[in-house]
């Protein structure tokens, strides 16, 4: 019997511009999704059927095991990217499913309804995160009890370093057994959220790849507490699983087998062209149809506690079962996003290709955003002024010098370095983006003008400050660096301090005015 893999249900954490844009295209391709909201969205003004009573209680969706539905809301899409061919009239999607993120909403709307209490702990197998980087850990902590070691978490955000921060806060840094799959995306679409309307302001690209690091090359680490059967919620492991771990069985999906590149001979002229991989379906039926467990062993009182992550799920019986679940979840995630390829100009790429693109975008953002924010200038005002453009170039040069001493850079293929990460390539990219988006204000400046008390500077320039510190520590340990000595992050430190000071001053001024 030839069965196709069913579309997974994506939970979207961060229903702002980018999150809602993805939701719209999920809807276009019949991919189920649920938005997380910090507060209850306005419900559609649709009267209940005659003779029925409108209920605020959640209801069970019988088509999806363990899924709970709430009073639906509406999402509208307005396309401003091709005014010559597209109407600006909003397209409305009714019946959008959502779930509350904070317990105060649970109490206000649902009164801790018994059905909600049980199903609000149901597992999330695919999660798209589009929150601001500085909001991610706090937001994820609210749904930590619903994540599983086989969940695939897609991070589509500015900056770098948030995944490491997530793993550290959740206790996954050195824990291959419990750490979920991670996929990271780089997106250049412009999108704004105004009420229930998502406005697509600029057509861009999306690059998406699974994340691999040195930690994942090791076998799973987990305390082997006993050789007795594992009771629900226990932190021990079964004898079968202990045997697999002792043999060094791997539980990390084989990304190279899933994303295969057709090797061809290259001439010198096209040697810098990127070869994009093809998504290959897992060969094993045991993997493709590995049933997701829907058990919820944790009690409701533990939902927002600091209990061990392992208390929230029943461990798989073997390393093979965990590998099958992770492989299915990752493949379904990539397959779903691949269906958005034409609409969002989305390309699946290899992890090393993504890293090169991430570093390139990081240097662009770290060079432009702090200057534009401190001067409260548009990209055009920056690029058309010799002094401000020179300030951007100096910041870019320091960030580039730090990057080339980093292990991230050294691990990359020479062709990727030559295409994306030379000083000349980065300078041309940065100036080109500013020239093409002269009317735009960078995201950090938008946060400031919108009255935010926080910004993403720690995940941009702050990342280079941390990278320089790691480079210096490596040099002291005897590692050979590119250049005579470690490059200091002098300019990056200055702009981090200045931008934070600007945000703090504005927040203090608003606070005193309100009083």
Protein backbone atom coordinates (compact mmCIF):
# COMPACT_ATOMS: atom_id res chain seq x y z
CA UNK A 1 0.00 0.00 0.00
CA UNK A 2 1.55 3.29 -1.13
CA UNK A 3 0.67 6.01 1.39
CA UNK A 4 1.81 9.61 1.18
CA UNK A 5 3.10 11.31 4.30
CA UNK A 6 0.38 13.53 5.70
CA UNK A 7 0.99 17.23 6.15
CA UNK A 8 2.22 17.98 9.66
CA UNK A 9 0.56 20.64 11.81
CA UNK A 10 2.85 23.60 12.36
CA UNK A 11 2.52 25.62 15.53
CA UNK A 12 3.72 29.18 14.86
CA UNK A 13 5.35 31.04 17.74
CA UNK A 14 5.49 34.72 16.81
CA UNK A 15 2.42 35.59 14.69
CA UNK A 16 3.85 38.93 13.54
CA UNK A 17 4.83 39.88 10.00
CA UNK A 18 6.96 36.90 9.00
CA UNK A 19 5.01 34.33 11.05
CA UNK A 20 1.71 35.44 9.53
CA UNK A 21 3.22 35.51 6.03
CA UNK A 22 4.26 31.87 6.43
CA UNK A 23 0.79 31.08 7.81
CA UNK A 24 -0.82 32.60 4.72
CA UNK A 25 1.25 30.43 2.39
CA UNK A 26 0.70 27.36 4.57
CA UNK A 27 -3.02 27.99 4.06
CA UNK A 28 -2.53 28.31 0.29
CA UNK A 29 -1.02 24.81 0.24
CA UNK A 30 -3.45 23.22 2.73
CA UNK A 31 -0.76 22.76 5.36
CA UNK A 32 -2.40 22.79 8.82
CA UNK A 33 -1.16 25.41 11.28
CA UNK A 34 -2.00 26.92 14.64
CA UNK A 35 -0.91 30.40 15.77
CA UNK A 36 0.18 31.08 19.34
CA UNK A 37 -1.17 34.38 20.69
CA UNK A 38 -0.13 36.33 23.77
CA UNK A 39 -3.68 37.64 24.05
CA UNK A 40 -6.97 36.58 22.57
CA UNK A 41 -7.34 37.84 18.98
CA UNK A 42 -10.60 39.43 17.83
CA UNK A 43 -13.02 36.74 16.74
CA UNK A 44 -14.78 37.01 13.37
CA UNK A 45 -18.15 38.78 13.69
CA UNK A 46 -20.03 35.67 12.60
CA UNK A 47 -23.25 35.09 14.58
CA UNK A 48 -23.81 31.57 15.91
CA UNK A 49 -26.37 29.37 14.14
CA UNK A 50 -29.97 29.97 15.17
CA UNK A 51 -30.90 27.98 18.26
CA UNK A 52 -27.27 27.35 19.28
CA UNK A 53 -25.22 28.84 22.08
CA UNK A 54 -21.85 30.46 21.42
CA UNK A 55 -19.25 28.70 23.56
CA UNK A 56 -15.83 29.97 24.56
CA UNK A 57 -14.66 26.52 25.54
CA UNK A 58 -12.21 24.71 23.29
CA UNK A 59 -13.38 21.68 21.36
CA UNK A 60 -11.73 18.47 20.21
CA UNK A 61 -10.78 18.18 16.55
CA UNK A 62 -11.49 14.52 15.90
CA UNK A 63 -9.47 14.53 12.66
CA UNK A 64 -6.19 15.07 14.52
CA UNK A 65 -5.43 13.03 17.60
CA UNK A 66 -4.81 15.24 20.58
CA UNK A 67 -5.58 18.52 18.79
CA UNK A 68 -7.72 21.16 20.46
CA UNK A 69 -9.58 23.91 18.60
CA UNK A 70 -10.48 27.35 20.01
CA UNK A 71 -12.92 29.97 18.74
CA UNK A 72 -11.41 30.73 15.30
CA UNK A 73 -10.07 34.07 14.16
CA UNK A 74 -9.32 35.72 10.81
CA UNK A 75 -6.13 36.53 8.91
CA UNK A 76 -6.05 38.93 5.97
CA UNK A 77 -3.28 39.12 3.36
CA UNK A 78 -2.48 42.28 1.39
CA UNK A 79 0.08 42.07 -1.42
CA UNK A 80 2.10 45.21 -2.10
CA UNK A 81 4.99 43.46 -3.85
CA UNK A 82 3.63 43.58 -7.41
CA UNK A 83 1.13 46.41 -7.69
CA UNK A 84 1.10 46.21 -11.48
CA UNK A 85 -0.23 42.64 -11.48
CA UNK A 86 -1.81 42.13 -8.04
CA UNK A 87 -4.81 43.72 -6.40
CA UNK A 88 -4.23 45.55 -3.13
CA UNK A 89 -7.59 44.36 -1.83
CA UNK A 90 -6.99 42.10 1.22
CA UNK A 91 -7.61 38.39 0.83
CA UNK A 92 -9.36 37.07 3.92
CA UNK A 93 -8.80 33.66 5.52
CA UNK A 94 -11.46 32.76 8.05
CA UNK A 95 -11.37 30.05 10.67
CA UNK A 96 -7.70 30.49 11.63
CA UNK A 97 -6.82 28.25 14.56
CA UNK A 98 -4.92 29.69 17.50
CA UNK A 99 -3.91 28.79 21.04
CA UNK A 100 -3.10 30.97 24.05
CA UNK A 101 0.53 31.27 25.14
CA UNK A 102 0.06 32.59 28.68
CA UNK A 103 -1.93 31.05 31.56
CA UNK A 104 -3.86 34.26 32.25
CA UNK A 105 -5.61 33.75 28.90
CA UNK A 106 -6.41 30.17 29.86
CA UNK A 107 -8.11 31.37 33.03
CA UNK A 108 -9.89 34.30 31.39
CA UNK A 109 -11.32 32.45 28.39
CA UNK A 110 -11.51 28.82 29.34
CA UNK A 111 -11.65 28.70 33.14
CA UNK A 112 -9.19 25.80 33.09
CA UNK A 113 -11.74 23.65 31.30
CA UNK A 114 -10.90 19.92 31.84
CA UNK A 115 -10.65 19.27 28.09
CA UNK A 116 -8.33 22.24 27.66
CA UNK A 117 -6.27 21.23 30.69
CA UNK A 118 -5.51 17.88 29.09
CA UNK A 119 -5.09 18.82 25.44
CA UNK A 120 -3.11 22.00 26.09
CA UNK A 121 -0.30 19.63 27.05
CA UNK A 122 -0.46 17.68 23.77
CA UNK A 123 2.86 17.34 21.93
CA UNK A 124 4.07 19.74 19.25
CA UNK A 125 5.93 17.92 16.49
CA UNK A 126 6.68 20.89 14.20
CA UNK A 127 7.27 24.41 15.54
CA UNK A 128 8.02 27.57 13.52
CA UNK A 129 9.60 30.35 15.61
CA UNK A 130 9.52 33.90 14.21
CA UNK A 131 9.63 35.90 17.44
CA UNK A 132 12.25 38.57 18.05
CA UNK A 133 15.46 36.86 19.13
CA UNK A 134 15.40 38.40 22.61
CA UNK A 135 11.86 37.07 23.18
CA UNK A 136 12.53 33.49 22.06
CA UNK A 137 13.71 31.75 25.23
CA UNK A 138 10.97 33.28 27.37
CA UNK A 139 8.29 32.37 24.81
CA UNK A 140 9.57 28.81 24.37
CA UNK A 141 9.54 28.30 28.13
CA UNK A 142 5.73 28.65 28.02
CA UNK A 143 5.40 25.63 25.73
CA UNK A 144 8.44 23.64 26.93
CA UNK A 145 6.13 20.97 28.33
CA UNK A 146 4.77 20.32 24.81
CA UNK A 147 8.11 19.87 23.05
CA UNK A 148 9.66 16.45 22.51
CA UNK A 149 13.12 15.14 21.56
CA UNK A 150 11.74 14.49 18.06
CA UNK A 151 10.14 17.94 17.62
CA UNK A 152 11.54 19.93 14.69
CA UNK A 153 12.01 23.61 15.61
CA UNK A 154 12.38 26.02 12.67
CA UNK A 155 14.06 29.31 13.62
CA UNK A 156 13.44 32.14 11.14
CA UNK A 157 14.94 35.22 12.80
CA UNK A 158 17.59 37.92 12.54
CA UNK A 159 21.03 37.53 14.06
CA UNK A 160 22.86 34.46 15.32
CA UNK A 161 23.28 32.73 18.65
CA UNK A 162 19.64 32.22 19.64
CA UNK A 163 19.75 28.44 19.06
CA UNK A 164 22.70 28.11 21.42
CA UNK A 165 20.83 30.24 23.96
CA UNK A 166 17.76 28.01 23.66
CA UNK A 167 19.79 24.83 24.15
CA UNK A 168 21.58 26.26 27.18
CA UNK A 169 18.37 27.45 28.85
CA UNK A 170 16.57 24.15 28.17
CA UNK A 171 19.49 21.94 29.22
CA UNK A 172 20.07 20.58 25.71
CA UNK A 173 23.62 21.82 25.05
CA UNK A 174 25.37 18.51 25.76
CA UNK A 175 22.29 16.32 25.64
CA UNK A 176 21.91 14.66 22.25
CA UNK A 177 19.14 12.44 23.61
CA UNK A 178 16.72 15.26 24.49
CA UNK A 179 17.70 18.05 22.08
CA UNK A 180 15.09 18.39 19.29
CA UNK A 181 15.84 18.82 15.59
CA UNK A 182 16.69 22.38 14.58
CA UNK A 183 16.19 23.97 11.18
CA UNK A 184 17.27 27.55 10.56
CA UNK A 185 16.12 29.96 7.91
CA UNK A 186 17.36 33.23 6.45
CA UNK A 187 14.53 35.36 5.05
CA UNK A 188 14.61 38.68 3.22
CA UNK A 189 10.87 39.17 2.56
CA UNK A 190 9.34 42.38 3.86
CA UNK A 191 6.15 41.89 5.89
CA UNK A 192 4.26 43.96 8.43
CA UNK A 193 1.32 43.06 10.68
CA UNK A 194 -1.45 45.59 11.20
CA UNK A 195 -4.23 44.20 13.37
CA UNK A 196 -5.40 41.02 11.65
CA UNK A 197 -3.87 42.05 8.30
CA UNK A 198 -0.47 40.89 7.06
CA UNK A 199 1.00 43.33 4.51
CA UNK A 200 3.57 41.82 2.15
CA UNK A 201 5.75 44.87 1.50
CA UNK A 202 8.70 43.33 -0.31
CA UNK A 203 9.41 40.14 -2.24
CA UNK A 204 12.56 38.40 -1.07
CA UNK A 205 14.23 35.02 -0.66
CA UNK A 206 14.18 32.26 1.94
CA UNK A 207 17.09 29.88 2.57
CA UNK A 208 16.38 26.89 4.81
CA UNK A 209 18.61 24.10 6.15
CA UNK A 210 18.88 21.68 9.07
CA UNK A 211 21.41 22.69 11.71
CA UNK A 212 24.33 20.45 12.56
CA UNK A 213 27.18 21.15 14.93
CA UNK A 214 30.08 19.37 16.58
CA UNK A 215 27.90 18.29 19.50
CA UNK A 216 25.71 16.22 17.19
CA UNK A 217 28.63 14.13 15.99
CA UNK A 218 28.79 12.43 19.36
CA UNK A 219 26.54 9.65 20.58
CA UNK A 220 23.64 10.64 22.86
CA UNK A 221 24.46 11.60 26.42
CA UNK A 222 21.96 10.64 29.08
CA UNK A 223 22.34 9.47 32.67
CA UNK A 224 22.04 5.70 32.87
CA UNK A 225 20.22 5.60 36.16
CA UNK A 226 19.18 1.98 36.36
CA UNK A 227 18.56 -1.22 34.44
CA UNK A 228 14.94 -1.53 35.51
CA UNK A 229 11.97 -0.76 33.22
CA UNK A 230 11.28 2.93 32.78
CA UNK A 231 8.19 4.19 34.57
CA UNK A 232 6.31 7.18 33.18
CA UNK A 233 8.14 10.41 34.00
CA UNK A 234 11.32 8.67 35.12
CA UNK A 235 14.75 9.99 34.20
CA UNK A 236 16.14 6.47 33.83
CA UNK A 237 16.47 4.39 30.69
CA UNK A 238 15.39 0.89 29.75
CA UNK A 239 17.88 -1.99 29.50
CA UNK A 240 17.31 -2.09 25.73
CA UNK A 241 18.04 1.60 25.38
CA UNK A 242 21.06 1.38 27.66
CA UNK A 243 22.45 -1.34 25.42
CA UNK A 244 21.97 0.82 22.35
CA UNK A 245 23.63 3.80 24.01
CA UNK A 246 26.53 1.65 25.17
CA UNK A 247 27.05 0.60 21.56
CA UNK A 248 27.11 4.24 20.46
CA UNK A 249 23.95 4.10 18.31
CA UNK A 250 23.19 7.46 16.72
CA UNK A 251 19.87 9.24 17.05
CA UNK A 252 20.63 12.23 14.78
CA UNK A 253 18.96 12.12 11.33
CA UNK A 254 21.32 11.63 8.38
CA UNK A 255 21.04 15.04 6.73
CA UNK A 256 23.43 14.10 3.92
CA UNK A 257 21.14 11.24 2.92
CA UNK A 258 18.05 13.46 3.16
CA UNK A 259 19.54 16.41 1.23
CA UNK A 260 21.61 14.96 -1.59
CA UNK A 261 23.75 17.01 -4.00
CA UNK A 262 24.37 15.82 -7.54
CA UNK A 263 28.10 16.21 -8.05
CA UNK A 264 29.20 17.42 -11.49
CA UNK A 265 32.50 18.61 -12.89
CA UNK A 266 32.87 22.39 -12.81
CA UNK A 267 34.77 24.71 -15.05
CA UNK A 268 36.66 27.64 -13.55
CA UNK A 269 33.87 29.96 -14.69
CA UNK A 270 31.10 28.35 -12.64
CA UNK A 271 33.14 27.01 -9.74
CA UNK A 272 31.47 29.48 -7.36
CA UNK A 273 27.95 28.45 -8.34
CA UNK A 274 26.00 26.87 -5.51
CA UNK A 275 24.74 23.34 -6.06
CA UNK A 276 21.40 22.99 -4.32
CA UNK A 277 20.48 19.63 -2.81
CA UNK A 278 17.47 17.50 -3.62
CA UNK A 279 15.17 16.43 -0.79
CA UNK A 280 15.11 12.62 -0.73
CA UNK A 281 12.34 10.67 1.01
CA UNK A 282 13.54 8.25 3.72
CA UNK A 283 13.73 4.77 2.24
CA UNK A 284 12.48 2.93 5.32
CA UNK A 285 8.73 2.63 5.83
CA UNK A 286 9.44 2.24 9.54
CA UNK A 287 10.76 5.80 9.43
CA UNK A 288 8.12 7.31 7.14
CA UNK A 289 5.24 5.96 9.19
CA UNK A 290 6.78 6.01 12.66
CA UNK A 291 3.75 6.92 14.82
CA UNK A 292 4.13 10.08 16.88
CA UNK A 293 3.42 9.40 20.57
CA UNK A 294 0.61 11.62 21.88
CA UNK A 295 0.95 10.81 25.57
CA UNK A 296 1.00 13.65 28.10
CA UNK A 297 2.50 12.20 31.28
CA UNK A 298 3.12 15.50 33.10
CA UNK A 299 0.51 16.84 35.50
CA UNK A 300 -1.10 20.21 34.82
CA UNK A 301 0.58 21.71 37.89
CA UNK A 302 3.97 20.97 36.31
CA UNK A 303 3.15 22.87 33.15
CA UNK A 304 4.98 26.08 34.06
CA UNK A 305 7.46 24.55 36.48
CA UNK A 306 11.19 23.96 36.20
CA UNK A 307 10.83 20.19 36.28
CA UNK A 308 13.26 18.19 34.13
CA UNK A 309 12.38 18.12 30.44
CA UNK A 310 12.26 14.30 30.58
CA UNK A 311 9.26 14.48 32.94
CA UNK A 312 7.05 15.75 30.11
CA UNK A 313 7.22 12.71 27.84
CA UNK A 314 7.60 8.94 27.90
CA UNK A 315 11.06 8.05 26.51
CA UNK A 316 11.22 6.04 23.27
CA UNK A 317 11.97 2.38 23.83
CA UNK A 318 15.16 2.44 21.76
CA UNK A 319 17.64 4.65 19.98
CA UNK A 320 16.22 3.34 16.69
CA UNK A 321 12.73 4.53 17.60
CA UNK A 322 14.00 8.00 18.49
CA UNK A 323 16.00 8.18 15.24
CA UNK A 324 12.90 7.16 13.25
CA UNK A 325 10.74 9.81 14.95
CA UNK A 326 13.34 12.52 14.43
CA UNK A 327 13.89 11.58 10.79
CA UNK A 328 10.15 11.59 10.05
CA UNK A 329 9.64 14.94 11.78
CA UNK A 330 12.57 16.58 9.98
CA UNK A 331 11.60 15.20 6.58
CA UNK A 332 7.96 16.28 6.93
CA UNK A 333 9.09 19.76 7.94
CA UNK A 334 11.41 20.20 4.96
CA UNK A 335 8.82 18.71 2.60
CA UNK A 336 6.17 21.17 3.77
CA UNK A 337 8.45 24.18 3.31
CA UNK A 338 9.55 22.89 -0.10
CA UNK A 339 5.95 23.36 -1.25
CA UNK A 340 6.38 27.10 -0.60
CA UNK A 341 9.35 27.27 -2.99
CA UNK A 342 7.61 29.21 -5.77
CA UNK A 343 5.48 31.49 -3.60
CA UNK A 344 8.27 32.53 -1.23
CA UNK A 345 11.32 31.93 -3.47
CA UNK A 346 12.35 29.35 -0.88
CA UNK A 347 15.35 27.07 -1.38
CA UNK A 348 16.42 24.11 0.72
CA UNK A 349 20.19 24.11 1.14
CA UNK A 350 22.91 22.25 3.01
CA UNK A 351 23.92 23.27 6.55
CA UNK A 352 27.30 24.63 5.39
CA UNK A 353 25.64 26.73 2.70
CA UNK A 354 23.24 28.16 5.26
CA UNK A 355 26.09 29.04 7.62
CA UNK A 356 27.82 31.04 4.87
CA UNK A 357 24.59 32.93 4.09
CA UNK A 358 23.92 33.51 7.81
CA UNK A 359 27.38 34.97 8.35
CA UNK A 360 26.97 37.19 5.30
CA UNK A 361 23.60 38.53 6.46
CA UNK A 362 24.89 38.93 10.02
CA UNK A 363 27.75 41.15 8.86
CA UNK A 364 25.37 43.23 6.72
CA UNK A 365 22.98 43.74 9.66
CA UNK A 366 25.79 44.38 12.15
CA UNK A 367 27.28 47.01 9.84
CA UNK A 368 24.10 48.89 8.92
CA UNK A 369 21.65 48.52 11.83
CA UNK A 370 23.59 50.22 14.63
CA UNK A 371 24.61 53.19 12.47
CA UNK A 372 21.09 53.64 11.10
CA UNK A 373 19.58 53.33 14.59
CA UNK A 374 21.95 55.75 16.31
CA UNK A 375 21.38 58.35 13.57
CA UNK A 376 17.68 57.42 13.08
CA UNK A 377 18.31 57.30 9.34
CA UNK A 378 16.92 55.37 6.41
CA UNK A 379 19.21 53.12 4.39
CA UNK A 380 19.30 55.75 1.66
CA UNK A 381 20.43 58.47 4.03
CA UNK A 382 23.26 56.19 5.20
CA UNK A 383 24.53 55.11 1.77
CA UNK A 384 24.31 58.60 0.22
CA UNK A 385 26.44 60.21 2.93
CA UNK A 386 30.22 59.66 2.69
CA UNK A 387 30.82 59.87 6.45
CA UNK A 388 28.07 57.46 7.47
CA UNK A 389 28.96 55.06 4.65
CA UNK A 390 32.56 55.09 5.88
CA UNK A 391 31.36 54.27 9.41
CA UNK A 392 29.47 51.28 7.97
CA UNK A 393 32.59 50.12 6.11
CA UNK A 394 34.80 50.37 9.21
CA UNK A 395 32.35 48.32 11.25
CA UNK A 396 32.14 45.81 8.41
CA UNK A 397 35.93 45.49 8.20
CA UNK A 398 36.28 44.78 11.93
CA UNK A 399 33.46 42.20 11.86
CA UNK A 400 35.01 40.50 8.82
CA UNK A 401 38.45 40.35 10.51
CA UNK A 402 36.87 38.71 13.59
CA UNK A 403 34.88 36.26 11.48
CA UNK A 404 37.87 34.92 9.49
CA UNK A 405 39.51 33.87 12.78
CA UNK A 406 36.44 31.93 13.92
CA UNK A 407 35.91 28.15 13.77
CA UNK A 408 32.60 28.74 11.96
CA UNK A 409 34.45 30.38 9.07
CA UNK A 410 37.30 27.88 9.02
CA UNK A 411 34.84 24.98 8.70
CA UNK A 412 33.42 26.31 5.43
CA UNK A 413 34.30 25.21 1.92
CA UNK A 414 36.63 27.61 0.10
CA UNK A 415 34.07 28.15 -2.65
CA UNK A 416 31.49 29.34 -0.13
CA UNK A 417 34.03 31.69 1.44
CA UNK A 418 34.93 33.10 -1.96
CA UNK A 419 31.34 33.61 -3.01
CA UNK A 420 29.87 35.11 0.16
CA UNK A 421 32.49 36.06 2.71
CA UNK A 422 35.38 37.95 1.16
CA UNK A 423 35.67 41.58 2.26
CA UNK A 424 34.94 42.74 -1.29
CA UNK A 425 31.86 40.50 -1.61
CA UNK A 426 30.46 41.63 1.75
CA UNK A 427 31.06 45.31 0.95
CA UNK A 428 29.28 44.99 -2.40
CA UNK A 429 26.39 43.09 -0.78
CA UNK A 430 25.96 45.66 1.98
CA UNK A 431 26.03 48.68 -0.33
CA UNK A 432 23.79 46.90 -2.83
CA UNK A 433 21.14 46.19 -0.18
CA UNK A 434 21.18 49.80 1.04
CA UNK A 435 20.91 51.10 -2.53
CA UNK A 436 17.99 48.77 -3.27
CA UNK A 437 16.12 49.64 -0.05
CA UNK A 438 16.78 53.37 0.30
CA UNK A 439 13.36 54.11 1.80
CA UNK A 440 13.59 51.34 4.39
CA UNK A 441 14.35 51.67 8.06
CA UNK A 442 16.29 48.75 9.52
CA UNK A 443 14.56 46.41 11.97
CA UNK A 444 16.47 47.76 14.98
CA UNK A 445 15.42 51.33 14.21
CA UNK A 446 11.83 50.17 13.71
CA UNK A 447 11.92 48.56 17.17
CA UNK A 448 13.17 51.84 18.62
CA UNK A 449 10.57 53.99 16.86
CA UNK A 450 7.83 51.56 17.92
CA UNK A 451 8.74 52.06 21.56
CA UNK A 452 10.34 48.67 22.23
CA UNK A 453 12.50 48.48 25.35
CA UNK A 454 14.64 45.69 23.86
CA UNK A 455 16.46 45.14 20.59
CA UNK A 456 18.37 42.44 18.73
CA UNK A 457 21.79 44.12 18.92
CA UNK A 458 23.15 41.33 21.18
CA UNK A 459 22.45 38.83 18.39
CA UNK A 460 24.15 41.01 15.75
CA UNK A 461 27.13 43.05 16.94
CA UNK A 462 26.99 41.27 20.30
CA UNK A 463 27.59 38.00 18.44
CA UNK A 464 30.85 39.39 17.04
CA UNK A 465 31.89 40.52 20.53
CA UNK A 466 31.40 36.94 21.75
CA UNK A 467 33.10 35.54 18.65
CA UNK A 468 36.17 37.74 19.27
CA UNK A 469 36.29 36.53 22.89
CA UNK A 470 36.15 32.90 21.75
CA UNK A 471 38.91 33.54 19.22
CA UNK A 472 41.10 35.07 21.92
CA UNK A 473 40.50 32.09 24.22
CA UNK A 474 41.41 29.71 21.39
CA UNK A 475 44.63 31.62 20.76
CA UNK A 476 45.58 31.37 24.44
CA UNK A 477 44.95 27.64 24.23
CA UNK A 478 47.47 27.43 21.39
CA UNK A 479 45.17 27.41 18.35
CA UNK A 480 46.54 29.13 15.27
CA UNK A 481 44.51 32.15 14.13
CA UNK A 482 44.34 33.93 10.79
CA UNK A 483 46.64 36.94 11.29
CA UNK A 484 49.21 37.81 13.93
CA UNK A 485 46.92 38.04 16.96
CA UNK A 486 43.21 37.93 17.88
CA UNK A 487 41.19 40.86 16.52
CA UNK A 488 39.44 42.88 19.21
CA UNK A 489 35.79 43.85 18.83
CA UNK A 490 36.38 47.51 19.71
CA UNK A 491 33.84 49.09 17.36
CA UNK A 492 31.27 46.34 17.89
CA UNK A 493 31.47 46.82 21.67
CA UNK A 494 30.98 50.56 21.28
CA UNK A 495 27.87 50.30 19.10
CA UNK A 496 26.33 47.62 21.35
CA UNK A 497 26.71 49.96 24.33
CA UNK A 498 25.48 53.02 22.43
CA UNK A 499 22.40 51.32 20.97
CA UNK A 500 21.42 49.82 24.33
CA UNK A 501 21.92 53.22 25.95
CA UNK A 502 19.65 54.83 23.32
CA UNK A 503 16.89 52.29 23.97
CA UNK A 504 17.24 52.66 27.76
CA UNK A 505 17.12 56.47 27.58
CA UNK A 506 13.99 56.39 25.45
CA UNK A 507 12.32 53.91 27.81
CA UNK A 508 13.16 56.08 30.84
CA UNK A 509 11.80 59.15 29.07
CA UNK A 510 8.51 57.42 28.25
CA UNK A 511 8.23 56.16 31.83
CA UNK A 512 8.69 59.63 33.32
CA UNK A 513 6.19 61.10 30.85
CA UNK A 514 3.56 58.51 31.79
CA UNK A 515 3.98 59.36 35.46
